[in-house]
């Protein structure tokens, strides 16, 4: 799949996600101990989960089926940025075919943790002319922590 087609597919998923379609099934993995979300999203502090941590694995596993459906191949991710704040996470990563043979357009995604399981909330549209990811996330999830919006 060409990078342009993958980018268009990601944009379509972002639009569908913003229109209130159900999110994919949540990934089930043990969540690391974090405090419950405070009433004020600006009070959340972002942390970076360590490589190999349960939260990091669960977040990547929540995204993997969507990207594999678009590419038609098993993928892994080269993580540029992953931050967790309260019960939200934001990931910026470059998907690649398992083994690194093909690389795809970077993905900027927001995740939500409910009942200890991470699920994909929204993939931001990143094409020219799109609103910034932070604006897309704030519109779709007004309670998302400020600490994740402007990475």
C-alpha atoms as a PDB file:
ATOM      1  CA  UNK A   1       0.000   0.000   0.000  1.00  0.00           C
ATOM      2  CA  UNK A   2       1.415   3.370  -0.914  1.00  0.00           C
ATOM      3  CA  UNK A   3       2.130   5.956   1.750  1.00  0.00           C
ATOM      4  CA  UNK A   4      -0.505   8.266   0.193  1.00  0.00           C
ATOM      5  CA  UNK A   5      -3.204   5.565   0.365  1.00  0.00           C
ATOM      6  CA  UNK A   6      -2.229   4.732   3.946  1.00  0.00           C
ATOM      7  CA  UNK A   7      -2.401   8.415   4.903  1.00  0.00           C
ATOM      8  CA  UNK A   8      -5.830   8.702   3.275  1.00  0.00           C
ATOM      9  CA  UNK A   9      -6.983   5.580   5.134  1.00  0.00           C
ATOM     10  CA  UNK A  10      -5.771   6.996   8.441  1.00  0.00           C
ATOM     11  CA  UNK A  11      -7.572  10.275   7.727  1.00  0.00           C
ATOM     12  CA  UNK A  12     -10.785   8.381   7.020  1.00  0.00           C
ATOM     13  CA  UNK A  13     -10.420   6.477  10.290  1.00  0.00           C
ATOM     14  CA  UNK A  14      -9.898   9.757  12.127  1.00  0.00           C
ATOM     15  CA  UNK A  15     -13.056  11.195  10.606  1.00  0.00           C
ATOM     16  CA  UNK A  16     -15.062   8.078  11.372  1.00  0.00           C
ATOM     17  CA  UNK A  17     -13.713   8.065  14.930  1.00  0.00           C
ATOM     18  CA  UNK A  18     -14.661  11.722  15.391  1.00  0.00           C
ATOM     19  CA  UNK A  19     -18.196  10.978  14.204  1.00  0.00           C
ATOM     20  CA  UNK A  20     -18.886   8.791  17.189  1.00  0.00           C
ATOM     21  CA  UNK A  21     -18.440   5.343  15.700  1.00  0.00           C
ATOM     22  CA  UNK A  22     -17.689   2.710  18.298  1.00  0.00           C
ATOM     23  CA  UNK A  23     -14.046   2.290  19.181  1.00  0.00           C
ATOM     24  CA  UNK A  24     -12.375  -1.059  18.542  1.00  0.00           C
ATOM     25  CA  UNK A  25     -12.439  -3.661  21.264  1.00  0.00           C
ATOM     26  CA  UNK A  26     -10.171  -2.600  24.123  1.00  0.00           C
ATOM     27  CA  UNK A  27      -6.846  -4.321  24.494  1.00  0.00           C
ATOM     28  CA  UNK A  28      -6.645  -6.275  27.684  1.00  0.00           C
ATOM     29  CA  UNK A  29      -3.418  -6.039  29.567  1.00  0.00           C
ATOM     30  CA  UNK A  30      -2.692  -5.119  33.138  1.00  0.00           C
ATOM     31  CA  UNK A  31      -2.489  -1.387  33.653  1.00  0.00           C
ATOM     32  CA  UNK A  32       0.375   0.137  35.547  1.00  0.00           C
ATOM     33  CA  UNK A  33      -0.531   1.890  38.768  1.00  0.00           C
ATOM     34  CA  UNK A  34      -1.566   5.461  38.044  1.00  0.00           C
ATOM     35  CA  UNK A  35      -3.781   7.886  39.886  1.00  0.00           C
ATOM     36  CA  UNK A  36      -7.396   8.334  38.856  1.00  0.00           C
ATOM     37  CA  UNK A  37      -8.029  11.271  36.560  1.00  0.00           C
ATOM     38  CA  UNK A  38      -8.530  14.527  38.432  1.00  0.00           C
ATOM     39  CA  UNK A  39     -11.605  16.623  37.643  1.00  0.00           C
ATOM     40  CA  UNK A  40      -9.400  19.217  35.927  1.00  0.00           C
ATOM     41  CA  UNK A  41      -7.581  17.821  32.839  1.00  0.00           C
ATOM     42  CA  UNK A  42      -4.861  20.461  33.199  1.00  0.00           C
ATOM     43  CA  UNK A  43      -3.874  18.838  36.529  1.00  0.00           C
ATOM     44  CA  UNK A  44      -2.642  15.640  34.861  1.00  0.00           C
ATOM     45  CA  UNK A  45       1.101  15.163  34.481  1.00  0.00           C
ATOM     46  CA  UNK A  46       2.392  13.186  31.505  1.00  0.00           C
ATOM     47  CA  UNK A  47       4.767  10.262  31.993  1.00  0.00           C
ATOM     48  CA  UNK A  48       6.570   8.091  29.458  1.00  0.00           C
ATOM     49  CA  UNK A  49       6.037   4.368  30.062  1.00  0.00           C
ATOM     50  CA  UNK A  50       9.215   2.316  29.875  1.00  0.00           C
ATOM     51  CA  UNK A  51       9.884   0.056  26.903  1.00  0.00           C
ATOM     52  CA  UNK A  52       8.393  -3.348  27.657  1.00  0.00           C
ATOM     53  CA  UNK A  53       5.993  -2.005  30.292  1.00  0.00           C
ATOM     54  CA  UNK A  54       2.431  -3.383  30.386  1.00  0.00           C
ATOM     55  CA  UNK A  55       0.902   0.022  29.523  1.00  0.00           C
ATOM     56  CA  UNK A  56       3.208   0.533  26.545  1.00  0.00           C
ATOM     57  CA  UNK A  57       2.486  -2.965  25.198  1.00  0.00           C
ATOM     58  CA  UNK A  58      -1.282  -2.551  25.698  1.00  0.00           C
ATOM     59  CA  UNK A  59      -1.319   0.817  23.901  1.00  0.00           C
ATOM     60  CA  UNK A  60       0.616  -0.534  20.909  1.00  0.00           C
ATOM     61  CA  UNK A  61      -1.608  -3.628  20.841  1.00  0.00           C
ATOM     62  CA  UNK A  62      -4.708  -1.395  20.792  1.00  0.00           C
ATOM     63  CA  UNK A  63      -3.440   0.341  17.623  1.00  0.00           C
ATOM     64  CA  UNK A  64      -1.984  -2.683  15.837  1.00  0.00           C
ATOM     65  CA  UNK A  65      -5.241  -4.199  14.419  1.00  0.00           C
ATOM     66  CA  UNK A  66      -6.256  -0.880  12.811  1.00  0.00           C
ATOM     67  CA  UNK A  67      -2.902  -0.419  11.091  1.00  0.00           C
ATOM     68  CA  UNK A  68      -2.662  -4.067  10.055  1.00  0.00           C
ATOM     69  CA  UNK A  69      -6.137  -3.819   8.512  1.00  0.00           C
ATOM     70  CA  UNK A  70      -4.911  -0.892   6.388  1.00  0.00           C
ATOM     71  CA  UNK A  71      -1.571  -2.409   5.391  1.00  0.00           C
ATOM     72  CA  UNK A  72      -2.629  -6.020   5.064  1.00  0.00           C
ATOM     73  CA  UNK A  73       0.572  -7.039   6.855  1.00  0.00           C
ATOM     74  CA  UNK A  74       1.683  -7.645  10.432  1.00  0.00           C
ATOM     75  CA  UNK A  75       3.285  -4.474  11.783  1.00  0.00           C
ATOM     76  CA  UNK A  76       5.433  -3.246  14.601  1.00  0.00           C
ATOM     77  CA  UNK A  77       6.034   0.361  15.587  1.00  0.00           C
ATOM     78  CA  UNK A  78       8.989   2.676  15.872  1.00  0.00           C
ATOM     79  CA  UNK A  79       7.817   4.886  18.732  1.00  0.00           C
ATOM     80  CA  UNK A  80       8.763   8.546  18.483  1.00  0.00           C
ATOM     81  CA  UNK A  81       6.708   9.665  21.475  1.00  0.00           C
ATOM     82  CA  UNK A  82       4.415   7.960  23.963  1.00  0.00           C
ATOM     83  CA  UNK A  83       2.989   9.824  26.921  1.00  0.00           C
ATOM     84  CA  UNK A  84       0.359   8.823  29.486  1.00  0.00           C
ATOM     85  CA  UNK A  85      -1.561  11.344  31.575  1.00  0.00           C
ATOM     86  CA  UNK A  86      -4.303  10.099  33.879  1.00  0.00           C
ATOM     87  CA  UNK A  87      -6.461   7.742  31.809  1.00  0.00           C
ATOM     88  CA  UNK A  88      -5.335   8.956  28.381  1.00  0.00           C
ATOM     89  CA  UNK A  89      -2.282   8.282  26.250  1.00  0.00           C
ATOM     90  CA  UNK A  90      -0.934   9.815  23.068  1.00  0.00           C
ATOM     91  CA  UNK A  91       1.319   7.926  20.692  1.00  0.00           C
ATOM     92  CA  UNK A  92       3.323   9.215  17.756  1.00  0.00           C
ATOM     93  CA  UNK A  93       4.887   6.282  15.930  1.00  0.00           C
ATOM     94  CA  UNK A  94       5.921   5.029  12.534  1.00  0.00           C
ATOM     95  CA  UNK A  95       4.381   1.691  11.604  1.00  0.00           C
ATOM     96  CA  UNK A  96       6.554  -0.719   9.680  1.00  0.00           C
ATOM     97  CA  UNK A  97       6.104  -4.222   8.386  1.00  0.00           C
ATOM     98  CA  UNK A  98       7.339  -6.798  10.861  1.00  0.00           C
ATOM     99  CA  UNK A  99      11.047  -7.113  10.188  1.00  0.00           C
ATOM    100  CA  UNK A 100      11.270  -3.492   9.015  1.00  0.00           C
ATOM    101  CA  UNK A 101      10.971  -4.159   5.270  1.00  0.00           C
ATOM    102  CA  UNK A 102       8.221  -1.585   4.577  1.00  0.00           C
ATOM    103  CA  UNK A 103       7.662   1.686   6.411  1.00  0.00           C
ATOM    104  CA  UNK A 104       4.372   3.550   6.464  1.00  0.00           C
ATOM    105  CA  UNK A 105       3.248   7.080   7.241  1.00  0.00           C
ATOM    106  CA  UNK A 106       3.577   8.109  10.894  1.00  0.00           C
ATOM    107  CA  UNK A 107       0.509   7.739  13.098  1.00  0.00           C
ATOM    108  CA  UNK A 108      -0.575  10.191  15.792  1.00  0.00           C
ATOM    109  CA  UNK A 109      -3.192   8.538  18.011  1.00  0.00           C
ATOM    110  CA  UNK A 110      -5.065   9.146  21.250  1.00  0.00           C
ATOM    111  CA  UNK A 111      -6.018   6.295  23.593  1.00  0.00           C
ATOM    112  CA  UNK A 112      -8.315   6.039  26.578  1.00  0.00           C
ATOM    113  CA  UNK A 113      -8.117   3.660  29.538  1.00  0.00           C
ATOM    114  CA  UNK A 114     -11.389   2.321  30.935  1.00  0.00           C
ATOM    115  CA  UNK A 115     -11.633  -0.408  33.543  1.00  0.00           C
ATOM    116  CA  UNK A 116      -7.865  -0.915  33.261  1.00  0.00           C
ATOM    117  CA  UNK A 117      -7.868  -1.587  29.489  1.00  0.00           C
ATOM    118  CA  UNK A 118      -6.497   0.725  26.793  1.00  0.00           C
ATOM    119  CA  UNK A 119      -8.545   1.376  23.654  1.00  0.00           C
ATOM    120  CA  UNK A 120      -7.948   3.521  20.599  1.00  0.00           C
ATOM    121  CA  UNK A 121      -9.986   6.732  20.838  1.00  0.00           C
ATOM    122  CA  UNK A 122      -8.889   8.561  17.665  1.00  0.00           C
ATOM    123  CA  UNK A 123      -6.207   8.638  14.996  1.00  0.00           C
ATOM    124  CA  UNK A 124      -5.524  12.235  14.003  1.00  0.00           C
ATOM    125  CA  UNK A 125      -5.753  13.236  10.356  1.00  0.00           C
ATOM    126  CA  UNK A 126      -2.315  14.558   9.424  1.00  0.00           C
ATOM    127  CA  UNK A 127      -2.742  15.578   5.784  1.00  0.00           C
ATOM    128  CA  UNK A 128      -2.053  19.104   4.642  1.00  0.00           C
ATOM    129  CA  UNK A 129      -5.022  21.286   5.524  1.00  0.00           C
ATOM    130  CA  UNK A 130      -6.057  19.166   8.516  1.00  0.00           C
ATOM    131  CA  UNK A 131      -6.563  20.731  11.908  1.00  0.00           C
ATOM    132  CA  UNK A 132      -3.644  20.172  14.287  1.00  0.00           C
ATOM    133  CA  UNK A 133      -3.867  16.867  16.143  1.00  0.00           C
ATOM    134  CA  UNK A 134      -4.332  18.699  19.459  1.00  0.00           C
ATOM    135  CA  UNK A 135      -7.459  20.425  18.117  1.00  0.00           C
ATOM    136  CA  UNK A 136      -8.854  17.143  16.786  1.00  0.00           C
ATOM    137  CA  UNK A 137      -8.286  15.436  20.135  1.00  0.00           C
ATOM    138  CA  UNK A 138      -9.777  18.313  22.143  1.00  0.00           C
ATOM    139  CA  UNK A 139     -12.897  18.311  19.935  1.00  0.00           C
ATOM    140  CA  UNK A 140     -13.355  14.548  20.202  1.00  0.00           C
ATOM    141  CA  UNK A 141     -12.379  14.188  23.881  1.00  0.00           C
ATOM    142  CA  UNK A 142     -12.812  17.526  25.708  1.00  0.00           C
ATOM    143  CA  UNK A 143     -11.674  15.897  28.958  1.00  0.00           C
ATOM    144  CA  UNK A 144      -8.314  14.804  27.489  1.00  0.00           C
ATOM    145  CA  UNK A 145      -5.418  16.112  29.600  1.00  0.00           C
ATOM    146  CA  UNK A 146      -3.698  19.267  28.393  1.00  0.00           C
ATOM    147  CA  UNK A 147      -0.355  17.545  29.004  1.00  0.00           C
ATOM    148  CA  UNK A 148      -0.984  15.280  25.987  1.00  0.00           C
ATOM    149  CA  UNK A 149      -2.372  17.808  23.544  1.00  0.00           C
ATOM    150  CA  UNK A 150       0.749  19.766  22.684  1.00  0.00           C
ATOM    151  CA  UNK A 151       3.556  17.214  22.427  1.00  0.00           C
END
